[in-house]
Protein backbone atom coordinates (compact mmCIF):
# COMPACT_ATOMS: atom_id res chain seq x y z
CA MET A 1 -90.57 33.91 -36.09
CA ASN A 2 -88.71 35.10 -39.34
CA LYS A 3 -85.30 33.97 -39.17
CA ILE A 4 -82.43 36.08 -40.91
CA THR A 5 -81.39 34.46 -44.43
CA GLY A 6 -78.13 34.97 -46.18
CA GLU A 7 -74.76 36.51 -44.91
CA LEU A 8 -75.20 38.85 -41.88
CA GLY A 9 -73.73 42.20 -43.14
CA PHE A 10 -71.71 44.31 -41.67
CA ASP A 11 -74.08 46.03 -39.26
CA ASN A 12 -75.55 42.80 -38.09
CA ALA A 13 -71.96 41.11 -37.60
CA LYS A 14 -71.19 43.95 -35.21
CA HIS A 15 -73.89 44.24 -33.67
CA LEU A 16 -73.27 40.30 -32.68
CA LEU A 17 -70.10 40.30 -31.60
CA ARG A 18 -70.10 43.77 -29.70
CA ARG A 19 -73.33 42.04 -27.50
CA LEU A 20 -70.57 38.67 -26.97
CA TRP A 21 -67.97 40.56 -25.87
CA SER A 22 -66.37 38.66 -28.12
CA GLY A 23 -63.38 38.74 -31.72
CA ASP A 24 -61.32 42.39 -32.20
CA LEU A 25 -62.95 44.81 -34.58
CA ARG A 26 -60.71 42.97 -37.42
CA ASP A 27 -63.68 39.91 -37.02
CA ILE A 28 -66.28 42.13 -38.36
CA ASP A 29 -65.45 42.43 -41.97
CA ALA A 30 -64.76 38.33 -41.58
CA PHE A 31 -68.21 37.60 -39.89
CA SER A 32 -70.34 40.16 -42.16
CA LYS A 33 -69.70 37.43 -44.99
CA LEU A 34 -71.04 34.54 -42.47
CA THR A 35 -74.47 33.32 -42.41
CA THR A 36 -75.83 32.38 -39.08
CA ASP A 37 -75.48 28.95 -39.19
CA GLN A 38 -71.51 29.92 -40.25
CA ALA A 39 -70.91 31.98 -37.46
CA PHE A 40 -72.52 29.96 -34.96
CA GLN A 41 -69.92 27.23 -35.64
CA ILE A 42 -67.31 29.71 -34.38
CA ILE A 43 -69.25 31.35 -31.32
CA PHE A 44 -70.23 28.35 -29.61
CA GLU A 45 -67.09 25.81 -30.59
CA ASP A 46 -65.95 24.05 -27.31
CA LEU A 47 -62.80 25.27 -26.49
CA GLY A 48 -62.26 22.78 -23.90
CA PHE A 49 -61.87 25.58 -21.07
CA SER A 50 -61.32 24.31 -17.48
CA MET A 51 -61.03 25.94 -14.21
CA SER A 52 -58.83 23.37 -13.10
CA SER A 53 -55.49 24.40 -11.17
CA GLU A 54 -53.74 26.42 -13.67
CA THR A 55 -49.87 27.40 -13.09
CA GLU A 56 -47.69 30.40 -14.75
CA GLY A 57 -44.23 30.94 -14.11
CA GLY A 58 -44.61 28.30 -11.24
CA ARG A 59 -47.47 30.25 -9.23
CA GLU A 60 -50.88 29.33 -9.25
CA ILE A 61 -53.04 32.11 -11.66
CA PHE A 62 -55.51 34.26 -9.10
CA ALA A 63 -58.68 32.61 -9.97
CA SER A 64 -60.06 35.83 -11.43
CA ASP A 65 -57.05 36.75 -13.35
CA PHE A 66 -57.78 33.45 -15.09
CA TRP A 67 -61.03 33.81 -15.65
CA VAL A 68 -60.10 37.21 -17.62
CA LYS A 69 -57.27 35.77 -19.57
CA LYS A 70 -59.82 32.79 -20.68
CA HIS A 71 -62.66 34.80 -21.88
CA LYS A 72 -60.28 37.43 -23.43
CA GLY A 73 -59.57 35.05 -26.38
CA GLN A 74 -59.00 36.00 -29.90
CA THR A 75 -61.61 33.63 -30.79
CA PRO A 76 -65.30 35.36 -30.91
CA TYR A 77 -66.99 32.98 -28.33
CA VAL A 78 -70.08 33.49 -26.77
CA LEU A 79 -69.37 31.93 -23.16
CA GLY A 80 -68.13 34.51 -21.08
CA ARG A 81 -70.73 36.82 -21.71
CA GLN A 82 -73.32 33.90 -21.13
CA ALA A 83 -71.17 33.25 -17.80
CA SER A 84 -71.91 36.16 -16.88
CA PHE A 85 -75.35 36.41 -17.59
CA LEU A 86 -75.75 33.19 -15.17
CA PHE A 87 -74.16 35.58 -12.53
CA SER A 88 -76.77 37.94 -12.51
CA MET A 89 -79.00 35.34 -11.97
CA PHE A 90 -77.38 33.53 -9.24
CA PRO A 91 -75.56 36.87 -7.98
CA ALA A 92 -73.42 35.36 -5.08
CA LYS A 93 -71.09 37.68 -4.87
CA LEU A 94 -67.24 36.95 -4.66
CA SER A 95 -65.91 39.69 -2.56
CA GLU A 96 -65.79 37.72 1.32
CA ALA A 97 -65.47 33.74 -0.76
CA HIS A 98 -62.43 31.78 -0.10
CA THR A 99 -59.77 31.40 -2.94
CA LEU A 100 -60.88 27.68 -3.61
CA ASP A 101 -64.64 29.60 -3.74
CA TYR A 102 -63.93 31.93 -6.39
CA VAL A 103 -62.14 28.57 -8.58
CA ALA A 104 -65.24 26.62 -7.89
CA TRP A 105 -67.73 29.52 -8.63
CA TYR A 106 -66.00 30.68 -11.66
CA GLY A 107 -66.18 27.02 -12.99
CA PHE A 108 -70.05 26.35 -11.78
CA LEU A 109 -71.04 29.73 -14.09
CA ASP A 110 -69.02 28.07 -17.03
CA TYR A 111 -69.83 24.73 -16.92
CA TYR A 112 -73.75 25.61 -16.68
CA ALA A 113 -73.44 28.99 -18.79
CA LEU A 114 -73.94 26.82 -22.17
CA GLY A 115 -75.79 24.11 -20.47
CA SER A 116 -78.95 23.16 -18.27
CA PHE A 117 -80.20 25.89 -16.20
CA LYS A 118 -82.33 23.34 -14.56
CA GLU A 119 -79.60 21.13 -13.39
CA ALA A 120 -77.60 24.56 -12.60
CA VAL A 121 -80.36 25.82 -10.15
CA LYS A 122 -79.94 22.83 -8.31
CA ASN A 123 -76.61 22.53 -7.91
CA MET A 124 -76.38 26.43 -7.29
CA LEU A 125 -78.10 25.39 -4.17
CA LEU A 126 -75.22 23.27 -2.52
CA GLN A 127 -72.56 25.55 -3.79
CA ASN A 128 -70.14 27.01 -1.37
CA ASN A 129 -70.17 30.05 -2.34
CA MET A 130 -74.50 30.44 -2.50
CA ILE A 131 -74.35 29.10 0.60
CA ARG A 132 -72.13 31.59 2.42
CA ARG A 133 -74.00 34.45 -0.09
CA LEU A 134 -78.29 33.41 1.00
CA PRO A 135 -78.53 35.60 4.07
CA ASN A 136 -78.43 32.55 7.01
CA ALA A 137 -78.47 29.55 4.40
CA ASN A 138 -75.60 28.42 6.75
CA GLU A 139 -77.72 28.12 9.82
CA ASN A 140 -81.65 26.97 7.90
CA GLU A 141 -82.27 24.21 10.16
CA GLY A 142 -84.48 22.85 13.47
CA ASP A 143 -87.99 23.78 13.89
CA GLU A 144 -87.69 27.52 12.70
CA PRO A 145 -85.94 27.34 9.05
CA ASN A 146 -85.04 30.82 8.02
CA GLU A 147 -87.50 31.49 4.87
CA ASN A 148 -84.63 33.62 2.78
CA VAL A 149 -83.72 30.83 1.21
CA GLY A 150 -87.17 29.37 -0.30
CA ARG A 151 -87.90 33.33 -0.92
CA GLU A 152 -84.87 33.76 -2.87
CA LEU A 153 -84.79 30.86 -4.81
CA LEU A 154 -88.15 31.70 -5.95
CA GLU A 155 -88.45 35.37 -6.30
CA LEU A 156 -84.69 35.51 -7.71
CA PHE A 157 -83.41 32.77 -9.28
CA THR A 158 -86.17 30.81 -10.44
CA LEU A 159 -89.93 32.37 -11.09
CA GLY A 160 -89.80 35.78 -9.79
CA LYS A 161 -93.23 37.21 -7.98
CA GLY A 162 -95.76 38.17 -10.75
CA LYS A 163 -98.33 40.28 -9.54
CA GLN A 164 -98.87 40.83 -5.86
CA LEU A 165 -102.31 39.62 -5.01
CA SER A 166 -102.18 40.05 -0.87
CA LYS A 167 -99.68 41.25 1.59
CA ASP A 168 -98.13 38.04 1.71
CA GLU A 169 -100.21 36.12 -1.45
CA TYR A 170 -98.56 36.34 -5.07
CA GLU A 171 -99.44 35.54 -8.39
CA ARG A 172 -96.98 33.07 -8.77
CA TYR A 173 -96.08 31.36 -5.22
CA THR A 174 -97.58 31.88 -1.91
CA GLN A 175 -95.51 32.57 1.88
CA ASP A 176 -96.81 28.77 2.57
CA ASP A 177 -94.46 27.52 -0.46
CA VAL A 178 -91.75 29.96 1.26
CA ASN A 179 -91.80 28.22 4.52
CA ALA A 180 -92.49 24.59 2.66
CA ILE A 181 -89.39 25.08 0.49
CA SER A 182 -87.23 26.69 3.41
CA ARG A 183 -87.73 23.64 5.35
CA ILE A 184 -86.99 21.23 2.24
CA LEU A 185 -83.38 22.92 1.49
CA SER A 186 -82.68 22.57 5.11
CA GLY A 187 -79.62 21.40 6.55
CA TYR A 188 -77.37 22.44 3.98
CA HIS A 189 -73.91 23.78 5.19
CA TYR A 190 -71.12 25.22 4.19
CA ASN A 191 -68.81 22.24 3.27
CA THR A 192 -64.98 22.98 3.86
CA GLY A 193 -64.34 19.56 2.43
CA LEU A 194 -65.18 20.97 -0.87
CA ASP A 195 -66.19 17.77 -2.61
CA LYS A 196 -65.93 17.36 -6.36
CA HIS A 197 -68.52 17.36 -8.97
CA PRO A 198 -67.68 14.96 -11.40
CA ALA A 199 -67.17 17.81 -13.97
CA GLY A 200 -64.08 18.83 -11.58
CA TRP A 201 -64.62 22.14 -10.44
CA GLN A 202 -65.57 21.83 -6.41
CA ILE A 203 -68.91 22.07 -4.70
CA GLY A 204 -70.03 22.17 -0.70
CA ILE A 205 -72.41 20.31 0.41
CA GLY A 206 -72.04 18.94 3.94
CA ALA A 207 -75.75 18.43 5.12
CA TRP A 208 -76.90 18.10 8.87
CA GLY A 209 -79.90 19.24 10.52
CA PHE A 210 -82.51 18.34 7.94
CA ILE A 211 -86.04 19.08 8.65
CA GLU A 212 -88.09 15.26 7.82
CA GLY A 213 -91.32 14.60 7.08
CA PRO A 214 -93.73 15.66 3.91
CA LYS A 215 -94.11 19.24 2.90
CA GLN A 216 -96.95 20.64 0.70
CA LEU A 217 -96.93 23.23 -2.21
CA SER A 218 -99.74 25.19 -2.71
CA ASP A 219 -102.19 25.07 -5.67
CA ARG A 220 -99.30 27.33 -7.90
CA PHE A 221 -97.32 24.06 -8.17
CA GLY A 222 -100.44 21.73 -8.48
CA SER A 223 -100.70 20.88 -4.80
CA VAL A 224 -97.69 18.82 -5.12
CA VAL A 225 -96.55 16.96 -1.43
CA ILE A 226 -92.83 16.85 -1.41
CA ASP A 227 -91.60 13.53 0.36
CA GLY A 228 -88.66 11.27 1.22
CA THR A 229 -85.17 11.61 2.02
CA GLN A 230 -83.03 15.02 2.20
CA GLU A 231 -81.42 14.07 -1.62
CA GLN A 232 -85.11 13.45 -2.93
CA GLN A 233 -86.83 16.11 -1.84
CA LEU A 234 -84.51 18.51 -3.50
CA ASP A 235 -84.91 16.57 -6.73
CA GLN A 236 -88.74 16.86 -6.36
CA LEU A 237 -88.47 20.20 -5.56
CA ILE A 238 -86.15 20.86 -8.76
CA GLU A 239 -89.09 19.28 -10.87
CA ALA A 240 -91.98 21.13 -9.34
CA ILE A 241 -90.36 24.91 -9.97
CA PHE A 242 -89.66 23.72 -13.44
CA ASN A 243 -93.60 22.20 -14.26
CA HIS A 244 -94.73 25.77 -12.79
CA PRO A 245 -96.37 27.43 -15.84
CA ASP A 246 -94.76 30.36 -15.19
CA MET A 247 -91.52 28.85 -15.23
CA GLY A 248 -89.35 30.34 -18.04
CA LYS A 249 -90.54 34.09 -18.05
CA LEU A 250 -88.18 35.65 -15.78
CA VAL A 251 -85.31 34.04 -17.26
CA ILE A 252 -86.32 34.42 -20.52
CA GLU A 253 -86.95 38.27 -20.06
CA LYS A 254 -83.76 38.77 -18.52
CA LEU A 255 -81.83 37.31 -21.20
CA ILE A 256 -83.88 39.42 -23.57
CA ARG A 257 -82.50 42.17 -21.94
CA TRP A 258 -79.10 41.56 -21.18
CA TYR A 259 -78.80 40.41 -25.09
CA ALA A 260 -81.31 42.64 -26.80
CA ASN A 261 -82.82 45.88 -25.50
CA ASP A 262 -83.54 46.84 -22.09
CA ASP A 263 -87.63 48.27 -22.71
CA GLU A 264 -89.39 47.42 -19.96
CA VAL A 265 -92.45 45.71 -21.58
CA VAL A 266 -90.27 43.18 -23.22
CA ASN A 267 -91.54 41.80 -26.82
CA GLU A 268 -94.23 38.83 -25.99
CA ALA A 269 -94.10 36.98 -28.80
CA VAL A 270 -90.55 36.87 -28.97
CA ARG A 271 -90.27 36.10 -25.36
CA ASP A 272 -93.34 33.13 -25.79
CA HIS A 273 -91.16 31.86 -28.28
CA LEU A 274 -87.80 31.30 -27.15
CA ILE A 275 -89.67 30.03 -23.72
CA GLN A 276 -91.25 27.24 -25.97
CA VAL A 277 -87.74 26.65 -27.51
CA PHE A 278 -85.96 26.73 -23.46
CA LYS A 279 -88.71 23.93 -22.42
CA ASP A 280 -88.19 21.86 -25.67
CA ALA A 281 -84.75 21.82 -24.93
CA ASP A 282 -85.21 20.68 -21.74
CA TRP A 283 -84.03 24.03 -20.19
CA HIS A 284 -80.71 24.42 -21.84
CA PHE A 285 -79.22 27.51 -22.96
CA GLU A 286 -76.92 26.85 -26.01
CA PRO A 287 -80.26 26.51 -27.83
CA VAL A 288 -82.12 29.29 -26.86
CA LEU A 289 -79.29 31.35 -27.57
CA ARG A 290 -78.85 29.89 -31.45
CA GLU A 291 -82.74 30.91 -31.87
CA LEU A 292 -82.35 34.24 -30.35
CA PHE A 293 -79.47 35.51 -32.62
CA SER A 294 -81.04 33.87 -35.63
CA LEU A 295 -84.25 36.04 -35.23
CA GLU A 296 -84.71 38.93 -37.65
CA TRP A 297 -86.21 40.99 -34.44
CA PHE A 298 -82.68 40.47 -32.90
CA TYR A 299 -80.94 42.53 -36.07
CA GLN A 300 -83.73 45.20 -35.93
CA ASP A 301 -82.12 48.90 -35.58
CA GLU A 302 -83.83 49.68 -32.47
CA ASN A 303 -82.02 46.84 -30.85
CA LYS A 304 -78.69 48.33 -32.15
CA GLY A 305 -76.70 50.71 -29.63
CA SER A 306 -80.04 50.42 -27.44
CA ARG A 307 -78.10 49.43 -23.69
CA ILE A 308 -75.69 51.09 -21.95
CA MET A 309 -72.74 49.03 -21.24
CA SER A 310 -72.00 47.85 -17.62
CA PRO A 311 -68.46 48.22 -16.84
CA MET A 312 -67.89 44.75 -17.52
CA ASP A 313 -68.99 45.17 -20.69
CA MET A 314 -67.04 47.91 -21.18
CA PHE A 315 -63.43 45.82 -19.85
CA PHE A 316 -64.00 43.03 -21.73
CA HIS A 317 -65.07 44.95 -24.84
CA VAL A 318 -61.79 46.83 -24.89
CA LEU A 319 -59.62 43.55 -23.89
CA SER A 320 -61.31 41.72 -27.24
CA TYR A 321 -62.04 44.64 -29.60
CA TYR A 322 -58.63 46.35 -29.53
CA SER A 323 -56.54 42.79 -28.51
CA ALA A 324 -55.75 45.30 -25.33
CA SER A 325 -53.43 43.64 -23.25
CA TYR A 326 -54.27 41.97 -19.71
CA ASP A 327 -51.13 41.12 -17.64
CA PRO A 328 -52.13 40.58 -14.01
CA SER A 329 -48.19 40.81 -13.02
CA GLN A 330 -48.68 44.42 -14.31
CA TRP A 331 -52.72 45.38 -14.09
CA LEU A 332 -52.87 44.76 -10.33
CA LEU A 333 -56.01 43.19 -9.17
CA ASP A 334 -56.61 46.37 -6.75
CA ASP A 335 -56.60 48.47 -9.61
CA ARG A 336 -58.78 46.77 -12.09
CA ASP A 337 -61.64 46.26 -9.39
CA THR A 338 -61.18 49.87 -8.25
CA ARG A 339 -61.48 51.33 -11.74
CA LEU A 340 -64.58 48.86 -12.21
CA SER A 341 -66.03 50.19 -8.96
CA ILE A 342 -65.78 54.19 -9.85
CA MET A 343 -67.50 53.55 -12.79
CA GLY A 344 -70.30 51.92 -11.00
CA GLU A 345 -69.86 48.32 -10.98
CA THR A 346 -67.32 45.99 -8.36
CA TRP A 347 -65.95 42.44 -9.51
CA PHE A 348 -68.48 39.78 -8.98
CA ASP A 349 -70.25 42.02 -5.97
CA PRO A 350 -73.45 43.01 -7.09
CA LYS A 351 -74.63 46.98 -5.92
CA GLY A 352 -78.13 45.50 -5.32
CA GLY A 353 -77.15 42.63 -3.07
CA ILE A 354 -78.28 39.48 -3.80
CA ALA A 355 -80.55 40.95 -5.93
CA GLY A 356 -78.06 41.77 -8.54
CA ASN A 357 -77.03 44.73 -10.03
CA TYR A 358 -79.82 47.62 -10.28
CA ALA A 359 -79.44 48.39 -14.01
CA ASP A 360 -79.93 43.97 -13.94
CA TYR A 361 -83.12 44.24 -12.67
CA GLN A 362 -84.46 47.37 -11.86
CA PRO A 363 -87.75 48.54 -13.96
CA PRO A 364 -87.85 51.12 -15.69
CA HIS A 365 -84.48 52.54 -16.83
CA PHE A 366 -82.27 49.11 -16.46
CA SER A 367 -79.01 49.85 -17.91
CA GLN A 368 -79.45 53.72 -17.66
CA TYR A 369 -78.55 52.77 -14.11
CA TRP A 370 -75.08 52.26 -14.85
CA ILE A 371 -74.15 56.17 -15.45
CA LEU A 372 -75.59 57.96 -11.93
CA SER A 373 -73.23 60.68 -11.43
CA PRO A 374 -71.11 63.27 -14.07
CA ASP A 375 -67.96 61.11 -12.17
CA GLN A 376 -68.74 57.97 -13.19
CA LEU A 377 -69.05 59.10 -16.96
CA GLN A 378 -65.79 60.78 -16.57
CA ALA A 379 -64.06 57.67 -15.19
CA ARG A 380 -65.87 55.40 -17.98
CA TYR A 381 -64.81 58.57 -20.41
CA ASP A 382 -60.90 57.85 -18.86
CA PHE A 383 -61.19 54.47 -19.03
CA PHE A 384 -61.84 53.85 -22.30
CA SER A 385 -59.07 56.29 -23.69
CA GLU A 386 -56.62 54.78 -21.88
CA MET A 387 -57.04 50.91 -22.69
CA VAL A 388 -58.12 51.81 -26.11
CA LEU A 389 -55.85 53.96 -27.55
CA GLU A 390 -52.93 51.56 -26.15
CA ASN A 391 -53.45 49.51 -29.16
CA GLY A 392 -55.96 50.57 -30.82
CA PRO A 393 -54.16 53.48 -33.71
CA ALA A 394 -52.09 50.86 -34.71
CA ILE A 395 -54.83 48.36 -35.18
CA LEU A 396 -56.54 51.00 -36.98
CA MET A 397 -54.23 52.52 -39.42
CA PRO A 398 -54.71 50.00 -42.53
CA PHE A 399 -58.42 49.99 -41.87
CA VAL A 400 -57.88 54.06 -42.91
CA ASP A 401 -54.78 53.48 -45.45
CA GLY A 402 -55.68 55.31 -48.21
CA LEU A 403 -58.84 57.22 -47.25
CA SER A 404 -59.00 61.03 -47.00
CA PHE A 405 -59.72 62.36 -43.67
CA ASP A 406 -63.42 62.77 -43.76
CA GLU A 407 -63.87 59.02 -45.48
CA ALA A 408 -61.48 57.80 -42.59
CA ALA A 409 -63.37 59.15 -39.74
CA THR A 410 -66.95 57.97 -41.16
CA LYS A 411 -65.63 54.97 -41.51
CA LEU A 412 -64.14 54.95 -38.12
CA ALA A 413 -67.52 55.77 -36.68
CA LYS A 414 -68.89 52.63 -37.81
CA TYR A 415 -66.59 50.45 -36.18
CA VAL A 416 -66.63 52.08 -32.71
CA PHE A 417 -70.21 53.35 -32.60
CA ALA A 418 -72.64 50.26 -32.11
CA GLY A 419 -75.47 52.27 -33.86
CA GLU A 420 -75.23 54.96 -36.94
CA LEU A 421 -74.13 58.47 -36.47
CA ILE A 422 -75.55 60.82 -38.02
CA GLU A 423 -73.11 63.36 -39.98
CA ASP A 424 -74.06 66.17 -37.33
CA GLU A 425 -73.02 64.09 -34.52
CA LEU A 426 -69.66 63.24 -36.57
CA ILE A 427 -68.82 67.12 -37.56
CA PRO A 428 -67.70 68.52 -33.96
CA LEU A 429 -65.57 65.29 -33.22
CA LYS A 430 -63.89 65.98 -36.14
CA ALA A 431 -63.31 69.37 -35.56
CA GLU A 432 -62.34 68.29 -31.75
CA ALA A 433 -59.56 65.54 -33.66
CA LEU A 434 -58.20 68.22 -35.60
CA GLY A 435 -57.26 70.67 -33.06
CA ASN A 436 -55.18 73.17 -34.36
CA ALA A 437 -54.49 71.11 -37.47
CA SER A 438 -56.11 71.14 -40.92
CA VAL A 439 -57.10 68.55 -42.99
CA SER A 440 -54.45 68.85 -45.20
CA HIS A 441 -52.10 67.59 -42.06
CA TRP A 442 -53.95 63.94 -42.59
CA ASP A 443 -51.06 62.42 -44.75
CA THR A 444 -47.99 63.63 -42.89
CA GLU A 445 -49.64 63.02 -39.05
CA LYS A 446 -52.16 60.76 -39.70
CA GLU A 447 -51.75 58.16 -36.72
CA VAL A 448 -51.27 61.41 -34.51
CA ILE A 449 -54.87 62.80 -35.86
CA LEU A 450 -56.21 59.27 -35.72
CA THR A 451 -55.36 58.69 -31.84
CA ARG A 452 -57.02 62.22 -31.15
CA LEU A 453 -60.00 60.86 -33.39
CA LEU A 454 -60.62 57.83 -31.46
CA GLU A 455 -60.18 59.55 -28.36
CA LYS A 456 -63.17 61.82 -29.22
CA PHE A 457 -65.37 59.27 -30.44
CA TYR A 458 -64.82 57.24 -27.33
CA ARG A 459 -64.87 60.43 -25.11
CA SER A 460 -68.92 60.82 -26.37
CA PRO A 461 -71.99 59.90 -24.72
CA GLN A 462 -72.70 57.10 -27.98
CA ALA A 463 -69.58 55.09 -27.13
CA GLN A 464 -71.20 54.47 -24.10
CA LEU A 465 -74.12 52.33 -26.25
CA HIS A 466 -73.64 48.53 -27.60
């Protein structure tokens, strides 16, 4: 497939950075002069982040606040949004988890965000937070194991169902596969001991009640027989899933919708190309992202401003784009979570349960599910106004120095909006920003008018897109 060549240019640099939650708006100009290879040296740099115990002022930072501070950094970086993507694949909510499980789950997401999806699937099944989240996973033992474990692994986390062929038969797996896999995964329990993964984050295993003996999968998996010890059967199961002919379709289709557009029917040529890259990279994410962000297709106009931002997208967009402050001691956790919830998303607690947020998987509208009521839209306007206006005007003043009001408004729109705003859309926003003032007041009341202009921009439907 065709790759983008030469410098990114302003529009492409803006598109890339907005989709990454990363960098402030001043980075757009710098990135516009870079090639993709030069940009990748920055956004894929290993910054050495860790979810080990951190202290601030003699107290442990609450895990979610530390995760925010970690991914809010001023350096443009892909890890935060990609970790959030991995959560959309494994949507185990955190609201009922123990604090140590929080740290372990955030660490898990960060560790595998750019790494091996194959290893992530295996270790996800052993994670305390997922064991607590999957329906009855902690009681999956004995002669009648709970089939939810096997079903969610296939349907939600790896393969997807494909076409339904009959009542219990799907294109990519059968009911017999669900039953067999649930038996293979029997005996794993929540582990209060919190054994540590070699990478440093904690993992719960605690195995007992495993159903011994061989288990055969259907012809969808080549009729392979899984046998041996509990650990051997888990390894063989992961191999069988990743050898499935349709492995990669579910993941790459979600990845395309996450970063490019949320069309109901994905571009099959792009999907199949990225699946091959995924396979060739032994199921590691970083090479896939590098390839996606290199494609001319990714930077096509129809992909720019094509998705409605989720509340978490908005949260990190504002924190990074305008260097907004986030002080956990001042911004109470309940306040943050309440704001996000009013806008339609609870912090790491998907509305659709173990299936995830509706916008991440529900066709045909996908991201449109983020705005289902006027109250949610108003909450988004209020959030943007409050957060952006904290630092936005001061950051933007140098951008408009020496410009007339009309020139400043046109330039500012280029930075604020994901897509291009036509003049007919810009005229009423400029008029509202001026209010009772006239253009002649611009030189003497520049910061006041700029603040109003920024507020009007962010209280428009176009500002909800990225």
